[in-house]
N, C-alpha and C. Protein backbone atom coordinates (compact mmCIF):
# COMPACT_ATOMS: atom_id res chain seq x y z
N MET A 1 88.75 86.82 72.42
CA MET A 1 89.16 85.77 73.25
C MET A 1 89.54 86.26 74.66
N LYS A 2 88.96 85.65 75.67
CA LYS A 2 89.27 86.07 77.13
C LYS A 2 90.50 85.50 77.54
N VAL A 3 91.50 86.37 78.10
CA VAL A 3 92.60 85.73 78.62
C VAL A 3 92.49 85.48 80.13
N LYS A 4 92.87 84.38 80.55
CA LYS A 4 92.73 83.98 81.95
C LYS A 4 93.89 84.70 82.72
N PRO A 5 93.60 85.55 83.78
CA PRO A 5 94.60 86.20 84.53
C PRO A 5 95.28 85.32 85.43
N ASN A 6 96.56 85.62 85.77
CA ASN A 6 97.34 84.73 86.59
C ASN A 6 96.92 84.98 88.07
N ARG A 7 97.40 84.01 88.94
CA ARG A 7 96.98 84.07 90.31
C ARG A 7 97.39 85.33 91.07
N THR A 8 98.61 85.77 90.75
CA THR A 8 99.16 87.10 91.43
C THR A 8 98.25 88.14 91.11
N HIS A 9 97.86 88.29 89.87
CA HIS A 9 97.00 89.36 89.49
C HIS A 9 95.61 89.39 90.17
N GLU A 10 95.11 88.16 90.33
CA GLU A 10 93.74 88.04 91.04
C GLU A 10 94.00 88.32 92.58
N ARG A 11 95.03 87.88 93.13
CA ARG A 11 95.22 88.11 94.54
C ARG A 11 95.45 89.56 94.82
N MET A 12 96.20 90.40 93.95
CA MET A 12 96.36 91.70 94.10
C MET A 12 95.14 92.52 93.93
N CYS A 13 94.22 92.13 93.00
CA CYS A 13 92.99 92.84 92.87
C CYS A 13 92.12 92.59 94.08
N ARG A 14 92.03 91.35 94.53
CA ARG A 14 91.24 91.09 95.75
C ARG A 14 91.74 91.82 96.92
N MET A 15 93.06 91.95 97.16
CA MET A 15 93.65 92.68 98.21
C MET A 15 93.33 94.14 98.15
N LEU A 16 93.49 94.74 96.94
CA LEU A 16 93.12 96.10 96.76
C LEU A 16 91.64 96.45 97.08
N ARG A 17 90.82 95.56 96.63
CA ARG A 17 89.35 95.63 96.87
C ARG A 17 89.03 95.62 98.32
N LEU A 18 89.71 94.66 99.08
CA LEU A 18 89.53 94.49 100.49
C LEU A 18 90.06 95.70 101.15
N PHE A 19 91.19 96.29 100.85
CA PHE A 19 91.59 97.51 101.53
C PHE A 19 90.66 98.67 101.12
N ALA A 20 90.09 98.80 99.99
CA ALA A 20 89.18 99.90 99.67
C ALA A 20 87.80 99.70 100.59
N TRP A 21 87.37 98.56 100.70
CA TRP A 21 86.10 98.37 101.56
C TRP A 21 86.45 98.57 103.09
N THR A 22 87.67 98.17 103.44
CA THR A 22 88.01 98.37 104.74
C THR A 22 88.19 99.78 105.10
N SER A 23 88.71 100.60 104.14
CA SER A 23 88.88 102.01 104.24
C SER A 23 87.46 102.67 104.33
N VAL A 24 86.49 102.15 103.55
CA VAL A 24 85.17 102.79 103.58
C VAL A 24 84.64 102.57 105.02
N ALA A 25 84.67 101.27 105.54
CA ALA A 25 84.15 101.00 106.85
C ALA A 25 84.84 101.75 107.97
N ILE A 26 86.15 101.89 107.86
CA ILE A 26 86.80 102.73 109.05
C ILE A 26 86.42 104.17 108.94
N GLY A 27 86.29 104.66 107.68
CA GLY A 27 85.91 106.04 107.52
C GLY A 27 84.55 106.34 107.91
N MET A 28 83.54 105.36 107.63
CA MET A 28 82.24 105.58 108.10
C MET A 28 82.08 105.54 109.58
N LEU A 29 82.74 104.56 110.21
CA LEU A 29 82.73 104.50 111.62
C LEU A 29 83.32 105.68 112.36
N LEU A 30 84.47 106.17 111.88
CA LEU A 30 85.07 107.33 112.49
C LEU A 30 84.18 108.54 112.38
N CYS A 31 83.57 108.77 111.22
CA CYS A 31 82.69 109.84 110.99
C CYS A 31 81.49 109.73 111.75
N LEU A 32 80.89 108.57 111.96
CA LEU A 32 79.74 108.28 112.80
C LEU A 32 80.00 108.61 114.22
N PHE A 33 81.05 108.09 114.77
CA PHE A 33 81.30 108.23 116.26
C PHE A 33 81.97 109.55 116.62
N PHE A 34 82.67 110.11 115.74
CA PHE A 34 83.41 111.36 116.05
C PHE A 34 82.88 112.56 115.14
N GLY A 35 81.63 112.55 114.76
CA GLY A 35 81.14 113.62 113.96
C GLY A 35 80.72 114.89 114.63
N ASN A 36 80.70 114.83 115.90
CA ASN A 36 80.31 116.04 116.70
C ASN A 36 81.52 116.43 117.63
N PRO A 37 82.00 117.52 117.50
CA PRO A 37 81.62 118.71 116.71
C PRO A 37 82.28 118.57 115.28
N PHE A 38 81.45 119.21 114.39
CA PHE A 38 81.85 119.11 112.90
C PHE A 38 82.70 120.27 112.61
N ARG A 39 84.10 120.20 113.04
CA ARG A 39 85.00 121.22 112.85
C ARG A 39 86.38 120.60 112.30
N ASP A 40 87.11 121.50 111.76
CA ASP A 40 88.41 121.01 111.21
C ASP A 40 89.43 120.69 112.38
N THR A 41 89.10 121.09 113.60
CA THR A 41 90.02 120.72 114.69
C THR A 41 89.65 119.42 115.22
N ASN A 42 88.63 118.83 114.81
CA ASN A 42 88.19 117.43 115.27
C ASN A 42 89.16 116.35 114.45
N THR A 43 90.11 115.99 115.06
CA THR A 43 91.26 115.14 114.37
C THR A 43 90.58 113.79 113.94
N TRP A 44 89.76 113.15 114.66
CA TRP A 44 89.21 111.81 114.33
C TRP A 44 88.29 111.97 113.28
N LEU A 45 87.47 113.07 113.15
CA LEU A 45 86.66 113.25 112.05
C LEU A 45 87.34 113.53 110.75
N MET A 46 88.53 114.20 110.84
CA MET A 46 89.30 114.52 109.63
C MET A 46 89.98 113.27 109.17
N ILE A 47 90.30 112.33 110.05
CA ILE A 47 90.95 111.05 109.70
C ILE A 47 89.82 110.26 109.03
N GLY A 48 88.69 110.21 109.59
CA GLY A 48 87.55 109.45 108.91
C GLY A 48 87.27 109.90 107.56
N ILE A 49 87.27 111.27 107.46
CA ILE A 49 87.03 111.85 106.01
C ILE A 49 88.19 111.46 105.04
N GLY A 50 89.35 111.35 105.53
CA GLY A 50 90.54 111.05 104.78
C GLY A 50 90.27 109.48 104.33
N PHE A 51 89.85 108.62 105.24
CA PHE A 51 89.62 107.26 104.87
C PHE A 51 88.56 107.23 103.75
N LEU A 52 87.47 107.99 103.78
CA LEU A 52 86.40 107.99 102.89
C LEU A 52 86.96 108.60 101.56
N VAL A 53 87.74 109.51 101.49
CA VAL A 53 88.33 110.07 100.30
C VAL A 53 89.39 109.10 99.68
N ALA A 54 90.05 108.32 100.45
CA ALA A 54 91.04 107.33 99.93
C ALA A 54 90.47 106.09 99.29
N SER A 55 89.19 105.77 99.86
CA SER A 55 88.60 104.50 99.45
C SER A 55 88.34 104.52 97.88
N PRO A 56 87.79 105.61 97.20
CA PRO A 56 87.46 105.56 95.72
C PRO A 56 88.79 105.59 94.95
N VAL A 57 89.92 106.09 95.63
CA VAL A 57 91.24 106.03 94.89
C VAL A 57 91.69 104.63 94.88
N LEU A 58 91.43 103.84 95.98
CA LEU A 58 91.88 102.41 95.99
C LEU A 58 91.02 101.60 94.96
N PHE A 59 89.69 101.92 94.91
CA PHE A 59 88.99 101.16 93.92
C PHE A 59 89.46 101.58 92.54
N LEU A 60 89.74 102.76 92.29
CA LEU A 60 90.32 103.15 90.90
C LEU A 60 91.58 102.49 90.62
N VAL A 61 92.49 102.46 91.55
CA VAL A 61 93.73 101.72 91.38
C VAL A 61 93.59 100.29 91.13
N GLU A 62 92.57 99.62 91.64
CA GLU A 62 92.24 98.27 91.46
C GLU A 62 91.69 98.09 90.10
N ALA A 63 90.81 98.93 89.58
CA ALA A 63 90.22 98.94 88.24
C ALA A 63 91.31 99.09 87.22
N VAL A 64 92.14 100.15 87.38
CA VAL A 64 93.20 100.35 86.47
C VAL A 64 94.22 99.24 86.37
N PHE A 65 94.47 98.58 87.52
CA PHE A 65 95.42 97.56 87.51
C PHE A 65 94.86 96.38 86.78
N ARG A 66 93.55 96.10 86.93
CA ARG A 66 92.93 95.03 86.26
C ARG A 66 92.86 95.33 84.73
N ILE A 67 92.60 96.55 84.28
CA ILE A 67 92.57 96.80 82.93
C ILE A 67 93.99 96.68 82.24
N THR A 68 94.93 97.22 82.88
CA THR A 68 96.30 97.16 82.30
C THR A 68 96.83 95.72 82.29
N GLU A 69 96.42 94.96 83.29
CA GLU A 69 97.02 93.58 83.31
C GLU A 69 96.31 92.78 82.23
N ASP A 70 94.97 92.99 81.94
CA ASP A 70 94.29 92.33 80.94
C ASP A 70 94.81 92.81 79.57
N TYR A 71 95.15 94.06 79.38
CA TYR A 71 95.59 94.61 78.22
C TYR A 71 97.01 94.08 77.87
N GLY A 72 97.75 93.94 78.92
CA GLY A 72 99.22 93.45 78.72
C GLY A 72 99.27 92.04 78.42
N SER A 73 98.27 91.15 78.97
CA SER A 73 98.14 89.74 78.84
C SER A 73 97.62 89.65 77.32
N LYS A 74 96.73 90.49 76.95
CA LYS A 74 96.25 90.37 75.56
C LYS A 74 97.30 90.67 74.59
N ASN A 75 98.12 91.61 74.74
CA ASN A 75 99.24 91.95 73.78
C ASN A 75 100.23 90.90 73.77
N ASP A 76 100.56 90.35 74.95
CA ASP A 76 101.50 89.17 74.95
C ASP A 76 101.18 88.08 74.13
N LYS A 77 99.81 87.80 74.02
CA LYS A 77 99.32 86.66 73.30
C LYS A 77 99.37 86.92 71.79
N ASN A 78 99.20 88.23 71.47
CA ASN A 78 99.17 88.65 70.04
C ASN A 78 100.47 89.00 69.48
N SER A 79 101.51 89.01 70.30
CA SER A 79 102.88 89.47 69.78
C SER A 79 103.39 88.40 68.83
N PRO A 80 104.22 88.82 67.78
CA PRO A 80 104.73 87.90 66.89
C PRO A 80 105.80 87.06 67.46
N ASN A 81 106.46 87.44 68.54
CA ASN A 81 107.45 86.69 69.14
C ASN A 81 106.99 85.52 69.91
N SER A 82 105.82 85.42 70.26
CA SER A 82 105.24 84.27 71.09
C SER A 82 104.78 83.18 70.28
């Protein structure tokens, strides 16, 4: 049986996904425009790489949030107290 998620859960997932895609876009733009010289002293390039590294983490948090919310809703429906 599929449990319908509540609106707050859906909004949070959409917001996290939006932040992740925005992070990818910002990271790509920064790396594209400030990629030369490719050194660790290039601050804007390092910030761009940081955005690119952070984006999969945001996607992972969104996926884990969705899974745990679905699991929690499923357990609430199957609990003997409800």
